[in-house]
Amino acid sequence: MNIKYLNIQQQIVVAPQQPIITVPQQTIVAAAVPPQQPEINEMYHLERELQVLSVEDVEEPWKKKCVEFEIKIFDLQTELARYKILGQELKVTSNEEFQVRELEAKIKMMKDIEDGQRKEIESQQNEIDSRRQRYSKLAEKERQILKLENALNSENVEMQNYMRLIQLHNLKLEQEMSEYQQITKKMKYYSNEADIWKERFMKANQDFRSAQEQWMMAQAKLDSLKKQKPLLQLYNNLIQDLERLVADNIELLYHYLFSNCFLTLSCQHYLSSNSHCFSLPNLAQNFNMQSSKQSFSQPNAQAVTNTSIAIYRISQNTLIIQIIDLAQIF
């Protein structure tokens, strides 16, 4: 059985220089209390977001509680000291012993409360320390996160710059490739042009060489013609003399040529350098038509030398007329 003691405490007034009046205390024995049914209360667990508070915000309410407990402990200690003084002055009775025991129990209870409060304060302090450590760890992690974010941002900036450089490099490579293709086309075009001009040059070189050879041959002919210029002049004079001779003896020559079927007339001229000018008079007196070699001479009335003409038939259609200066021979 559980017995509860209800103590009725009355105030004790101590007047100076008066006898102490004690009032006996009555002990009331309470009846047994029947067991009560346990109350079942529903509990709900609500998850709240974790709020990071500063150390001052966490420590502030506990500091206030600590101050309150310290004030309460001080008051209890003061009351205990006062009761101790009163206990020494008062006579000990059975009722007073009971009161003292009650006070001692109360003091013990207060000490237990104080110890509990102290333990609670220590636990709260430990929790504060743990929370402080957690806060410091969270702050350190937050600093690390900020540091990583800054590093990530810097890396993103560097990556963007690198991508921009890569794009510029790709554009430059595309431009260089386009220029290279254009240069390749130009080189191919110029190579074809070079081949064409090479062929033209080779042909022009061959033409130049052939023209040079022809020029050299023409130069040689020109030189030979320049050397033969006196002979050409003699030939021209001979042709003029023959034309005069033919003009003077046209009927006789026609009769001879048609009778012998000559178609070509060739002549050789063997005159010295001092017999360029001469004249042929009428040659009909010394010309014999039936001979293959006919020669005739006539003294020149205007020149000192005598001239003889011999006509040779060397083939069916070739007639050679030889003009001989008799003065040079004899």
C-alpha atoms as a PDB file:
ATOM      1  CA  MET A   1       0.000   0.000   0.000  1.00  0.00           C
ATOM      2  CA  ASN A   2       1.192   3.408  -0.803  1.00  0.00           C
ATOM      3  CA  ILE A   3       0.794   5.820   2.062  1.00  0.00           C
ATOM      4  CA  LYS A   4       1.125   9.496   1.475  1.00  0.00           C
ATOM      5  CA  TYR A   5       1.996  11.845   4.244  1.00  0.00           C
ATOM      6  CA  LEU A   6       0.498  15.289   4.078  1.00  0.00           C
ATOM      7  CA  ASN A   7       2.462  17.760   6.114  1.00  0.00           C
ATOM      8  CA  ILE A   8       0.774  20.905   7.279  1.00  0.00           C
ATOM      9  CA  GLN A   9       3.444  23.453   7.928  1.00  0.00           C
ATOM     10  CA  GLN A  10       2.651  26.476   9.980  1.00  0.00           C
ATOM     11  CA  GLN A  11       4.677  29.588  10.284  1.00  0.00           C
ATOM     12  CA  ILE A  12       6.865  29.907  13.317  1.00  0.00           C
ATOM     13  CA  VAL A  13       7.221  33.447  14.600  1.00  0.00           C
ATOM     14  CA  VAL A  14      10.117  34.033  16.941  1.00  0.00           C
ATOM     15  CA  ALA A  15       9.884  37.244  18.929  1.00  0.00           C
ATOM     16  CA  PRO A  16      12.890  38.517  20.718  1.00  0.00           C
ATOM     17  CA  GLN A  17      13.093  37.858  24.480  1.00  0.00           C
ATOM     18  CA  GLN A  18       9.927  35.755  24.480  1.00  0.00           C
ATOM     19  CA  PRO A  19       9.449  32.092  25.100  1.00  0.00           C
ATOM     20  CA  ILE A  20       9.312  29.844  22.158  1.00  0.00           C
ATOM     21  CA  ILE A  21       5.837  28.655  21.306  1.00  0.00           C
ATOM     22  CA  THR A  22       5.659  25.407  19.490  1.00  0.00           C
ATOM     23  CA  VAL A  23       2.572  24.151  17.772  1.00  0.00           C
ATOM     24  CA  PRO A  24       2.360  20.422  17.371  1.00  0.00           C
ATOM     25  CA  GLN A  25       1.966  19.097  13.893  1.00  0.00           C
ATOM     26  CA  GLN A  26      -0.631  16.573  13.049  1.00  0.00           C
ATOM     27  CA  THR A  27       0.129  13.601  10.938  1.00  0.00           C
ATOM     28  CA  ILE A  28      -2.626  12.643   8.634  1.00  0.00           C
ATOM     29  CA  VAL A  29      -2.564   9.160   7.233  1.00  0.00           C
ATOM     30  CA  ALA A  30      -4.190   9.043   3.883  1.00  0.00           C
ATOM     31  CA  ALA A  31      -6.039   6.085   2.650  1.00  0.00           C
ATOM     32  CA  ALA A  32      -4.643   3.894  -0.062  1.00  0.00           C
ATOM     33  CA  VAL A  33      -5.096   5.315  -3.463  1.00  0.00           C
ATOM     34  CA  PRO A  34      -6.557   2.877  -5.970  1.00  0.00           C
ATOM     35  CA  PRO A  35      -4.438   2.248  -9.040  1.00  0.00           C
ATOM     36  CA  GLN A  36      -5.300   4.429 -11.914  1.00  0.00           C
ATOM     37  CA  GLN A  37      -5.741   3.333 -15.474  1.00  0.00           C
ATOM     38  CA  PRO A  38      -2.840   4.327 -17.675  1.00  0.00           C
ATOM     39  CA  GLU A  39      -3.641   7.074 -20.021  1.00  0.00           C
ATOM     40  CA  ILE A  40      -2.795   6.421 -23.632  1.00  0.00           C
ATOM     41  CA  ASN A  41      -2.007   9.562 -25.504  1.00  0.00           C
ATOM     42  CA  GLU A  42      -1.382   9.524 -29.198  1.00  0.00           C
ATOM     43  CA  MET A  43       1.911  10.997 -30.304  1.00  0.00           C
ATOM     44  CA  TYR A  44       2.612  12.482 -33.651  1.00  0.00           C
ATOM     45  CA  HIS A  45       6.078  12.869 -35.057  1.00  0.00           C
ATOM     46  CA  LEU A  46       6.484  15.897 -37.231  1.00  0.00           C
ATOM     47  CA  GLU A  47       9.636  16.332 -39.211  1.00  0.00           C
ATOM     48  CA  ARG A  48      10.797  19.856 -39.342  1.00  0.00           C
ATOM     49  CA  GLU A  49      13.493  21.351 -41.402  1.00  0.00           C
ATOM     50  CA  LEU A  50      16.861  21.555 -39.761  1.00  0.00           C
ATOM     51  CA  GLN A  51      17.546  25.144 -38.917  1.00  0.00           C
ATOM     52  CA  VAL A  52      21.123  26.155 -38.416  1.00  0.00           C
ATOM     53  CA  LEU A  53      21.254  28.567 -35.488  1.00  0.00           C
ATOM     54  CA  SER A  54      24.135  30.488 -34.135  1.00  0.00           C
ATOM     55  CA  VAL A  55      25.841  29.483 -30.876  1.00  0.00           C
ATOM     56  CA  GLU A  56      24.479  32.543 -29.089  1.00  0.00           C
ATOM     57  CA  ASP A  57      20.881  31.695 -30.061  1.00  0.00           C
ATOM     58  CA  VAL A  58      21.308  28.148 -28.728  1.00  0.00           C
ATOM     59  CA  GLU A  59      23.077  29.101 -25.507  1.00  0.00           C
ATOM     60  CA  GLU A  60      20.833  32.034 -24.595  1.00  0.00           C
ATOM     61  CA  PRO A  61      17.803  30.092 -23.150  1.00  0.00           C
ATOM     62  CA  TRP A  62      20.057  27.654 -21.308  1.00  0.00           C
ATOM     63  CA  LYS A  63      22.023  30.469 -19.803  1.00  0.00           C
ATOM     64  CA  LYS A  64      18.771  31.973 -18.518  1.00  0.00           C
ATOM     65  CA  LYS A  65      17.739  28.618 -17.016  1.00  0.00           C
ATOM     66  CA  CYS A  66      21.155  28.254 -15.408  1.00  0.00           C
ATOM     67  CA  VAL A  67      20.806  31.697 -13.850  1.00  0.00           C
ATOM     68  CA  GLU A  68      17.323  30.850 -12.584  1.00  0.00           C
ATOM     69  CA  PHE A  69      18.540  27.553 -11.107  1.00  0.00           C
ATOM     70  CA  GLU A  70      21.506  29.242  -9.483  1.00  0.00           C
ATOM     71  CA  ILE A  71      19.181  31.850  -7.905  1.00  0.00           C
ATOM     72  CA  LYS A  72      16.861  29.100  -6.720  1.00  0.00           C
ATOM     73  CA  ILE A  73      19.766  27.103  -5.296  1.00  0.00           C
ATOM     74  CA  PHE A  74      21.033  30.189  -3.542  1.00  0.00           C
ATOM     75  CA  ASP A  75      17.586  30.808  -2.027  1.00  0.00           C
ATOM     76  CA  LEU A  76      17.345  27.205  -0.872  1.00  0.00           C
ATOM     77  CA  GLN A  77      20.811  27.333   0.618  1.00  0.00           C
ATOM     78  CA  THR A  78      19.871  30.544   2.412  1.00  0.00           C
ATOM     79  CA  GLU A  79      16.677  28.989   3.732  1.00  0.00           C
ATOM     80  CA  LEU A  80      18.605  25.906   4.813  1.00  0.00           C
ATOM     81  CA  ALA A  81      21.079  28.017   6.695  1.00  0.00           C
ATOM     82  CA  ARG A  82      18.252  29.892   8.369  1.00  0.00           C
ATOM     83  CA  TYR A  83      16.596  26.633   9.381  1.00  0.00           C
ATOM     84  CA  LYS A  84      19.873  25.369  10.763  1.00  0.00           C
ATOM     85  CA  ILE A  85      20.174  28.496  12.898  1.00  0.00           C
ATOM     86  CA  LEU A  86      16.607  28.115  14.066  1.00  0.00           C
ATOM     87  CA  GLY A  87      17.189  24.438  14.836  1.00  0.00           C
ATOM     88  CA  GLN A  88      20.085  25.259  17.091  1.00  0.00           C
ATOM     89  CA  GLU A  89      18.006  27.805  18.998  1.00  0.00           C
ATOM     90  CA  LEU A  90      14.851  25.762  19.313  1.00  0.00           C
ATOM     91  CA  LYS A  91      14.427  22.816  21.573  1.00  0.00           C
ATOM     92  CA  VAL A  92      14.246  19.594  19.894  1.00  0.00           C
ATOM     93  CA  THR A  93      10.892  17.934  20.073  1.00  0.00           C
ATOM     94  CA  SER A  94       9.410  15.066  18.256  1.00  0.00           C
ATOM     95  CA  ASN A  95       7.464  17.371  16.029  1.00  0.00           C
ATOM     96  CA  GLU A  96      10.510  19.444  15.346  1.00  0.00           C
ATOM     97  CA  GLU A  97      12.502  16.346  14.538  1.00  0.00           C
ATOM     98  CA  PHE A  98       9.841  15.449  12.049  1.00  0.00           C
ATOM     99  CA  GLN A  99      10.035  18.945  10.592  1.00  0.00           C
ATOM    100  CA  VAL A 100      13.796  18.737  10.464  1.00  0.00           C
ATOM    101  CA  ARG A 101      13.577  15.415   8.705  1.00  0.00           C
ATOM    102  CA  GLU A 102      11.087  16.913   6.332  1.00  0.00           C
ATOM    103  CA  LEU A 103      13.376  19.841   5.699  1.00  0.00           C
ATOM    104  CA  GLU A 104      16.312  17.504   5.243  1.00  0.00           C
ATOM    105  CA  ALA A 105      14.230  15.483   2.815  1.00  0.00           C
ATOM    106  CA  LYS A 106      13.285  18.682   1.078  1.00  0.00           C
ATOM    107  CA  ILE A 107      16.911  19.759   1.020  1.00  0.00           C
ATOM    108  CA  LYS A 108      17.886  16.363  -0.311  1.00  0.00           C
ATOM    109  CA  MET A 109      15.137  16.630  -2.860  1.00  0.00           C
ATOM    110  CA  MET A 110      16.367  20.092  -3.795  1.00  0.00           C
ATOM    111  CA  LYS A 111      19.898  18.729  -4.017  1.00  0.00           C
ATOM    112  CA  ASP A 112      18.604  15.941  -6.201  1.00  0.00           C
ATOM    113  CA  ILE A 113      16.784  18.536  -8.259  1.00  0.00           C
ATOM    114  CA  GLU A 114      19.958  20.580  -8.330  1.00  0.00           C
ATOM    115  CA  ASP A 115      21.965  17.546  -9.357  1.00  0.00           C
ATOM    116  CA  GLY A 116      19.368  16.744 -11.989  1.00  0.00           C
ATOM    117  CA  GLN A 117      19.398  20.315 -13.164  1.00  0.00           C
ATOM    118  CA  ARG A 118      23.176  20.293 -13.155  1.00  0.00           C
ATOM    119  CA  LYS A 119      23.200  17.040 -15.099  1.00  0.00           C
ATOM    120  CA  GLU A 120      20.631  18.497 -17.421  1.00  0.00           C
ATOM    121  CA  ILE A 121      22.762  21.608 -17.745  1.00  0.00           C
ATOM    122  CA  GLU A 122      25.785  19.423 -18.427  1.00  0.00           C
ATOM    123  CA  SER A 123      23.816  17.398 -20.960  1.00  0.00           C
ATOM    124  CA  GLN A 124      22.555  20.614 -22.496  1.00  0.00           C
ATOM    125  CA  GLN A 125      26.101  21.930 -22.459  1.00  0.00           C
ATOM    126  CA  ASN A 126      27.279  18.732 -24.087  1.00  0.00           C
ATOM    127  CA  GLU A 127      24.489  19.072 -26.606  1.00  0.00           C
ATOM    128  CA  ILE A 128      25.509  22.694 -27.123  1.00  0.00           C
ATOM    129  CA  ASP A 129      29.101  21.550 -27.619  1.00  0.00           C
ATOM    130  CA  SER A 130      27.983  18.823 -29.996  1.00  0.00           C
ATOM    131  CA  ARG A 131      25.757  21.297 -31.814  1.00  0.00           C
ATOM    132  CA  ARG A 132      28.651  23.739 -31.857  1.00  0.00           C
ATOM    133  CA  GLN A 133      30.876  21.037 -33.300  1.00  0.00           C
ATOM    134  CA  ARG A 134      28.177  20.165 -35.804  1.00  0.00           C
ATOM    135  CA  TYR A 135      27.768  23.838 -36.576  1.00  0.00           C
ATOM    136  CA  SER A 136      31.517  24.218 -37.017  1.00  0.00           C
ATOM    137  CA  LYS A 137      31.537  21.121 -39.226  1.00  0.00           C
ATOM    138  CA  LEU A 138      28.589  22.469 -41.187  1.00  0.00           C
ATOM    139  CA  ALA A 139      30.303  25.837 -41.448  1.00  0.00           C
ATOM    140  CA  GLU A 140      33.463  24.087 -42.617  1.00  0.00           C
ATOM    141  CA  LYS A 141      31.443  22.071 -45.111  1.00  0.00           C
ATOM    142  CA  GLU A 142      29.701  25.254 -46.209  1.00  0.00           C
ATOM    143  CA  ARG A 143      33.082  26.898 -46.713  1.00  0.00           C
ATOM    144  CA  GLN A 144      34.225  23.853 -48.644  1.00  0.00           C
ATOM    145  CA  ILE A 145      31.021  23.970 -50.712  1.00  0.00           C
ATOM    146  CA  LEU A 146      31.576  27.663 -51.421  1.00  0.00           C
ATOM    147  CA  LYS A 147      35.172  26.928 -52.302  1.00  0.00           C
ATOM    148  CA  LEU A 148      34.091  24.084 -54.592  1.00  0.00           C
ATOM    149  CA  GLU A 149      31.418  26.303 -56.146  1.00  0.00           C
ATOM    150  CA  ASN A 150      34.007  29.007 -56.786  1.00  0.00           C
ATOM    151  CA  ALA A 151      36.381  26.419 -58.240  1.00  0.00           C
ATOM    152  CA  LEU A 152      33.535  25.004 -60.348  1.00  0.00           C
ATOM    153  CA  ASN A 153      32.604  28.485 -61.553  1.00  0.00           C
ATOM    154  CA  SER A 154      36.224  29.212 -62.432  1.00  0.00           C
ATOM    155  CA  GLU A 155      36.457  25.859 -64.218  1.00  0.00           C
ATOM    156  CA  ASN A 156      33.224  26.658 -66.069  1.00  0.00           C
ATOM    157  CA  VAL A 157      34.661  30.019 -67.107  1.00  0.00           C
ATOM    158  CA  GLU A 158      37.882  28.323 -68.213  1.00  0.00           C
ATOM    159  CA  MET A 159      35.842  25.678 -70.062  1.00  0.00           C
ATOM    160  CA  GLN A 160      33.817  28.377 -71.813  1.00  0.00           C
ATOM    161  CA  ASN A 161      37.024  30.202 -72.750  1.00  0.00           C
ATOM    162  CA  TYR A 162      38.510  26.921 -73.959  1.00  0.00           C
ATOM    163  CA  MET A 163      35.376  26.144 -75.993  1.00  0.00           C
ATOM    164  CA  ARG A 164      35.511  29.658 -77.446  1.00  0.00           C
ATOM    165  CA  LEU A 165      39.164  29.117 -78.360  1.00  0.00           C
ATOM    166  CA  ILE A 166      38.254  25.749 -79.907  1.00  0.00           C
ATOM    167  CA  GLN A 167      35.497  27.398 -81.956  1.00  0.00           C
ATOM    168  CA  LEU A 168      37.890  30.128 -83.109  1.00  0.00           C
ATOM    169  CA  HIS A 169      40.486  27.460 -83.943  1.00  0.00           C
ATOM    170  CA  ASN A 170      37.869  25.468 -85.887  1.00  0.00           C
ATOM    171  CA  LEU A 171      36.849  28.599 -87.805  1.00  0.00           C
ATOM    172  CA  LYS A 172      40.504  29.311 -88.531  1.00  0.00           C
ATOM    173  CA  LEU A 173      41.015  25.717 -89.694  1.00  0.00           C
ATOM    174  CA  GLU A 174      37.944  25.970 -91.936  1.00  0.00           C
ATOM    175  CA  GLN A 175      39.255  29.222 -93.415  1.00  0.00           C
ATOM    176  CA  GLU A 176      42.693  27.666 -93.917  1.00  0.00           C
ATOM    177  CA  MET A 177      41.064  24.590 -95.502  1.00  0.00           C
ATOM    178  CA  SER A 178      39.033  26.812 -97.824  1.00  0.00           C
ATOM    179  CA  GLU A 179      42.156  28.812 -98.690  1.00  0.00           C
ATOM    180  CA  TYR A 180      44.072  25.545 -99.187  1.00  0.00           C
ATOM    181  CA  GLN A 181      41.367  24.254-101.550  1.00  0.00           C
ATOM    182  CA  GLN A 182      41.399  27.535-103.458  1.00  0.00           C
ATOM    183  CA  ILE A 183      45.199  27.469-103.596  1.00  0.00           C
ATOM    184  CA  THR A 184      45.061  23.822-104.740  1.00  0.00           C
ATOM    185  CA  LYS A 185      42.614  24.747-107.509  1.00  0.00           C
ATOM    186  CA  LYS A 186      44.809  27.681-108.512  1.00  0.00           C
ATOM    187  CA  MET A 187      47.920  25.481-108.441  1.00  0.00           C
ATOM    188  CA  LYS A 188      46.151  22.884-110.598  1.00  0.00           C
ATOM    189  CA  TYR A 189      44.998  25.602-112.977  1.00  0.00           C
ATOM    190  CA  TYR A 190      48.449  27.174-113.072  1.00  0.00           C
ATOM    191  CA  SER A 191      50.033  23.721-113.468  1.00  0.00           C
ATOM    192  CA  ASN A 192      47.816  23.055-116.484  1.00  0.00           C
ATOM    193  CA  GLU A 193      48.629  26.521-117.806  1.00  0.00           C
ATOM    194  CA  ALA A 194      52.316  25.822-117.180  1.00  0.00           C
ATOM    195  CA  ASP A 195      52.056  22.536-119.097  1.00  0.00           C
ATOM    196  CA  ILE A 196      50.289  24.330-121.949  1.00  0.00           C
ATOM    197  CA  TRP A 197      52.877  27.115-121.990  1.00  0.00           C
ATOM    198  CA  LYS A 198      55.625  24.505-121.686  1.00  0.00           C
ATOM    199  CA  GLU A 199      54.310  22.762-124.793  1.00  0.00           C
ATOM    200  CA  ARG A 200      53.983  26.131-126.494  1.00  0.00           C
ATOM    201  CA  PHE A 201      57.502  27.021-125.411  1.00  0.00           C
ATOM    202  CA  MET A 202      58.867  23.714-126.676  1.00  0.00           C
ATOM    203  CA  LYS A 203      57.060  24.235-129.970  1.00  0.00           C
ATOM    204  CA  ALA A 204      58.233  27.846-130.104  1.00  0.00           C
ATOM    205  CA  ASN A 205      61.744  26.674-129.250  1.00  0.00           C
ATOM    206  CA  GLN A 206      61.597  24.139-132.073  1.00  0.00           C
ATOM    207  CA  ASP A 207      60.207  26.814-134.375  1.00  0.00           C
ATOM    208  CA  PHE A 208      62.917  29.148-133.174  1.00  0.00           C
ATOM    209  CA  ARG A 209      65.599  26.547-133.815  1.00  0.00           C
ATOM    210  CA  SER A 210      64.221  25.764-137.250  1.00  0.00           C
ATOM    211  CA  ALA A 211      63.878  29.495-137.942  1.00  0.00           C
ATOM    212  CA  GLN A 212      67.403  29.986-136.631  1.00  0.00           C
ATOM    213  CA  GLU A 213      68.646  27.215-138.903  1.00  0.00           C
ATOM    214  CA  GLN A 214      66.734  28.735-141.793  1.00  0.00           C
ATOM    215  CA  TRP A 215      68.113  32.130-140.873  1.00  0.00           C
ATOM    216  CA  MET A 216      71.626  30.698-140.749  1.00  0.00           C
ATOM    217  CA  MET A 217      71.065  29.033-144.113  1.00  0.00           C
ATOM    218  CA  ALA A 218      69.603  32.245-145.489  1.00  0.00           C
ATOM    219  CA  GLN A 219      72.523  34.155-144.010  1.00  0.00           C
ATOM    220  CA  ALA A 220      74.913  31.715-145.612  1.00  0.00           C
ATOM    221  CA  LYS A 221      73.065  32.061-148.903  1.00  0.00           C
ATOM    222  CA  LEU A 222      73.091  35.807-148.496  1.00  0.00           C
ATOM    223  CA  ASP A 223      76.808  35.732-147.830  1.00  0.00           C
ATOM    224  CA  SER A 224      77.324  33.505-150.838  1.00  0.00           C
ATOM    225  CA  LEU A 225      75.122  35.799-152.893  1.00  0.00           C
ATOM    226  CA  LYS A 226      77.070  38.775-151.659  1.00  0.00           C
ATOM    227  CA  LYS A 227      80.246  36.989-152.751  1.00  0.00           C
ATOM    228  CA  GLN A 228      78.662  36.108-156.113  1.00  0.00           C
ATOM    229  CA  LYS A 229      77.415  39.614-156.757  1.00  0.00           C
ATOM    230  CA  PRO A 230      79.981  40.309-159.563  1.00  0.00           C
ATOM    231  CA  LEU A 231      79.066  36.996-161.223  1.00  0.00           C
ATOM    232  CA  LEU A 232      75.365  37.898-161.020  1.00  0.00           C
ATOM    233  CA  GLN A 233      76.163  41.192-162.624  1.00  0.00           C
ATOM    234  CA  LEU A 234      77.996  39.325-165.400  1.00  0.00           C
ATOM    235  CA  TYR A 235      74.978  37.014-165.792  1.00  0.00           C
ATOM    236  CA  ASN A 236      72.723  40.003-166.089  1.00  0.00           C
ATOM    237  CA  ASN A 237      75.014  41.500-168.720  1.00  0.00           C
ATOM    238  CA  LEU A 238      75.123  38.154-170.519  1.00  0.00           C
ATOM    239  CA  ILE A 239      71.327  37.944-170.499  1.00  0.00           C
ATOM    240  CA  GLN A 240      71.110  41.444-171.910  1.00  0.00           C
ATOM    241  CA  ASP A 241      73.652  40.544-174.638  1.00  0.00           C
ATOM    242  CA  LEU A 242      71.770  37.338-175.406  1.00  0.00           C
ATOM    243  CA  GLU A 243      68.526  39.274-175.640  1.00  0.00           C
ATOM    244  CA  ARG A 244      70.174  41.635-178.136  1.00  0.00           C
ATOM    245  CA  LEU A 245      71.682  38.653-179.959  1.00  0.00           C
ATOM    246  CA  VAL A 246      68.300  36.935-180.110  1.00  0.00           C
ATOM    247  CA  ALA A 247      66.671  40.165-181.215  1.00  0.00           C
ATOM    248  CA  ASP A 248      69.243  40.561-184.012  1.00  0.00           C
ATOM    249  CA  ASN A 249      69.138  36.880-185.134  1.00  0.00           C
ATOM    250  CA  ILE A 250      65.589  35.916-184.102  1.00  0.00           C
ATOM    251  CA  GLU A 251      64.695  34.266-187.403  1.00  0.00           C
ATOM    252  CA  LEU A 252      67.883  32.203-187.556  1.00  0.00           C
ATOM    253  CA  LEU A 253      67.551  30.990-183.923  1.00  0.00           C
ATOM    254  CA  TYR A 254      63.853  30.113-184.338  1.00  0.00           C
ATOM    255  CA  HIS A 255      64.712  28.106-187.462  1.00  0.00           C
ATOM    256  CA  TYR A 256      67.503  26.264-185.643  1.00  0.00           C
ATOM    257  CA  LEU A 257      65.527  25.622-182.425  1.00  0.00           C
ATOM    258  CA  PHE A 258      62.426  24.331-184.203  1.00  0.00           C
ATOM    259  CA  SER A 259      64.512  22.116-186.490  1.00  0.00           C
ATOM    260  CA  ASN A 260      66.402  20.521-183.565  1.00  0.00           C
ATOM    261  CA  CYS A 261      63.457  20.517-181.023  1.00  0.00           C
ATOM    262  CA  PHE A 262      65.287  22.404-178.259  1.00  0.00           C
ATOM    263  CA  LEU A 263      63.132  23.568-175.363  1.00  0.00           C
ATOM    264  CA  THR A 264      65.736  24.752-172.854  1.00  0.00           C
ATOM    265  CA  LEU A 265      68.531  27.222-173.328  1.00  0.00           C
ATOM    266  CA  SER A 266      71.532  27.152-170.998  1.00  0.00           C
ATOM    267  CA  CYS A 267      74.585  29.244-171.232  1.00  0.00           C
ATOM    268  CA  GLN A 268      77.988  29.414-169.646  1.00  0.00           C
ATOM    269  CA  HIS A 269      80.002  32.524-169.568  1.00  0.00           C
ATOM    270  CA  TYR A 270      83.811  32.429-169.356  1.00  0.00           C
ATOM    271  CA  LEU A 271      84.847  36.017-169.574  1.00  0.00           C
ATOM    272  CA  SER A 272      87.647  37.707-167.742  1.00  0.00           C
ATOM    273  CA  SER A 273      87.108  40.557-165.349  1.00  0.00           C
ATOM    274  CA  ASN A 274      88.097  43.134-167.959  1.00  0.00           C
ATOM    275  CA  SER A 275      85.649  42.003-170.687  1.00  0.00           C
ATOM    276  CA  HIS A 276      82.282  42.921-169.144  1.00  0.00           C
ATOM    277  CA  CYS A 277      81.134  45.146-171.980  1.00  0.00           C
ATOM    278  CA  PHE A 278      80.968  43.761-175.513  1.00  0.00           C
ATOM    279  CA  SER A 279      78.621  43.767-178.491  1.00  0.00           C
ATOM    280  CA  LEU A 280      77.738  41.049-180.941  1.00  0.00           C
ATOM    281  CA  PRO A 281      77.110  42.020-184.549  1.00  0.00           C
ATOM    282  CA  ASN A 282      75.383  39.941-187.142  1.00  0.00           C
ATOM    283  CA  LEU A 283      76.494  36.247-186.730  1.00  0.00           C
ATOM    284  CA  ALA A 284      74.688  34.696-189.743  1.00  0.00           C
ATOM    285  CA  GLN A 285      77.834  34.428-191.868  1.00  0.00           C
ATOM    286  CA  ASN A 286      79.637  31.953-189.556  1.00  0.00           C
ATOM    287  CA  PHE A 287      76.620  29.942-188.277  1.00  0.00           C
ATOM    288  CA  ASN A 288      76.219  26.387-189.669  1.00  0.00           C
ATOM    289  CA  MET A 289      72.735  24.915-188.864  1.00  0.00           C
ATOM    290  CA  GLN A 290      73.671  21.269-189.620  1.00  0.00           C
ATOM    291  CA  SER A 291      76.442  20.918-187.051  1.00  0.00           C
ATOM    292  CA  SER A 292      75.892  19.918-183.419  1.00  0.00           C
ATOM    293  CA  LYS A 293      78.497  22.488-182.524  1.00  0.00           C
ATOM    294  CA  GLN A 294      78.263  25.822-184.201  1.00  0.00           C
ATOM    295  CA  SER A 295      80.692  28.583-183.476  1.00  0.00           C
ATOM    296  CA  PHE A 296      81.148  31.966-184.991  1.00  0.00           C
ATOM    297  CA  SER A 297      83.233  34.994-184.296  1.00  0.00           C
ATOM    298  CA  GLN A 298      83.044  38.555-185.425  1.00  0.00           C
ATOM    299  CA  PRO A 299      85.482  41.302-184.763  1.00  0.00           C
ATOM    300  CA  ASN A 300      83.938  44.004-182.645  1.00  0.00           C
ATOM    301  CA  ALA A 301      84.232  47.309-184.332  1.00  0.00           C
ATOM    302  CA  GLN A 302      83.917  49.211-181.050  1.00  0.00           C
ATOM    303  CA  ALA A 303      86.055  46.929-178.812  1.00  0.00           C
ATOM    304  CA  VAL A 304      89.589  45.601-178.967  1.00  0.00           C
ATOM    305  CA  THR A 305      88.721  41.965-178.114  1.00  0.00           C
ATOM    306  CA  ASN A 306      87.046  39.447-180.386  1.00  0.00           C
ATOM    307  CA  THR A 307      84.090  37.398-179.121  1.00  0.00           C
ATOM    308  CA  SER A 308      83.225  33.854-180.200  1.00  0.00           C
ATOM    309  CA  ILE A 309      79.925  32.067-179.491  1.00  0.00           C
ATOM    310  CA  ALA A 310      79.677  28.253-179.602  1.00  0.00           C
ATOM    311  CA  ILE A 311      76.315  26.457-179.435  1.00  0.00           C
ATOM    312  CA  TYR A 312      76.404  22.859-178.076  1.00  0.00           C
ATOM    313  CA  ARG A 313      73.585  20.376-178.249  1.00  0.00           C
ATOM    314  CA  ILE A 314      74.061  18.158-175.167  1.00  0.00           C
ATOM    315  CA  SER A 315      70.623  16.539-175.141  1.00  0.00           C
ATOM    316  CA  GLN A 316      67.383  16.502-177.016  1.00  0.00           C
ATOM    317  CA  ASN A 317      66.015  19.554-175.274  1.00  0.00           C
ATOM    318  CA  THR A 318      69.146  21.311-173.959  1.00  0.00           C
ATOM    319  CA  LEU A 319      71.188  23.864-175.840  1.00  0.00           C
ATOM    320  CA  ILE A 320      74.362  25.400-174.369  1.00  0.00           C
ATOM    321  CA  ILE A 321      75.591  28.688-175.709  1.00  0.00           C
ATOM    322  CA  GLN A 322      79.219  29.368-174.788  1.00  0.00           C
ATOM    323  CA  ILE A 323      80.634  32.839-175.143  1.00  0.00           C
ATOM    324  CA  ILE A 324      84.417  32.943-175.390  1.00  0.00           C
ATOM    325  CA  ASP A 325      86.659  35.975-175.358  1.00  0.00           C
ATOM    326  CA  LEU A 326      89.252  35.100-177.974  1.00  0.00           C
ATOM    327  CA  ALA A 327      91.621  37.793-176.904  1.00  0.00           C
ATOM    328  CA  GLN A 328      91.970  36.277-173.446  1.00  0.00           C
ATOM    329  CA  ILE A 329      92.563  32.809-174.850  1.00  0.00           C
ATOM    330  CA  PHE A 330      95.239  33.816-177.320  1.00  0.00           C
END
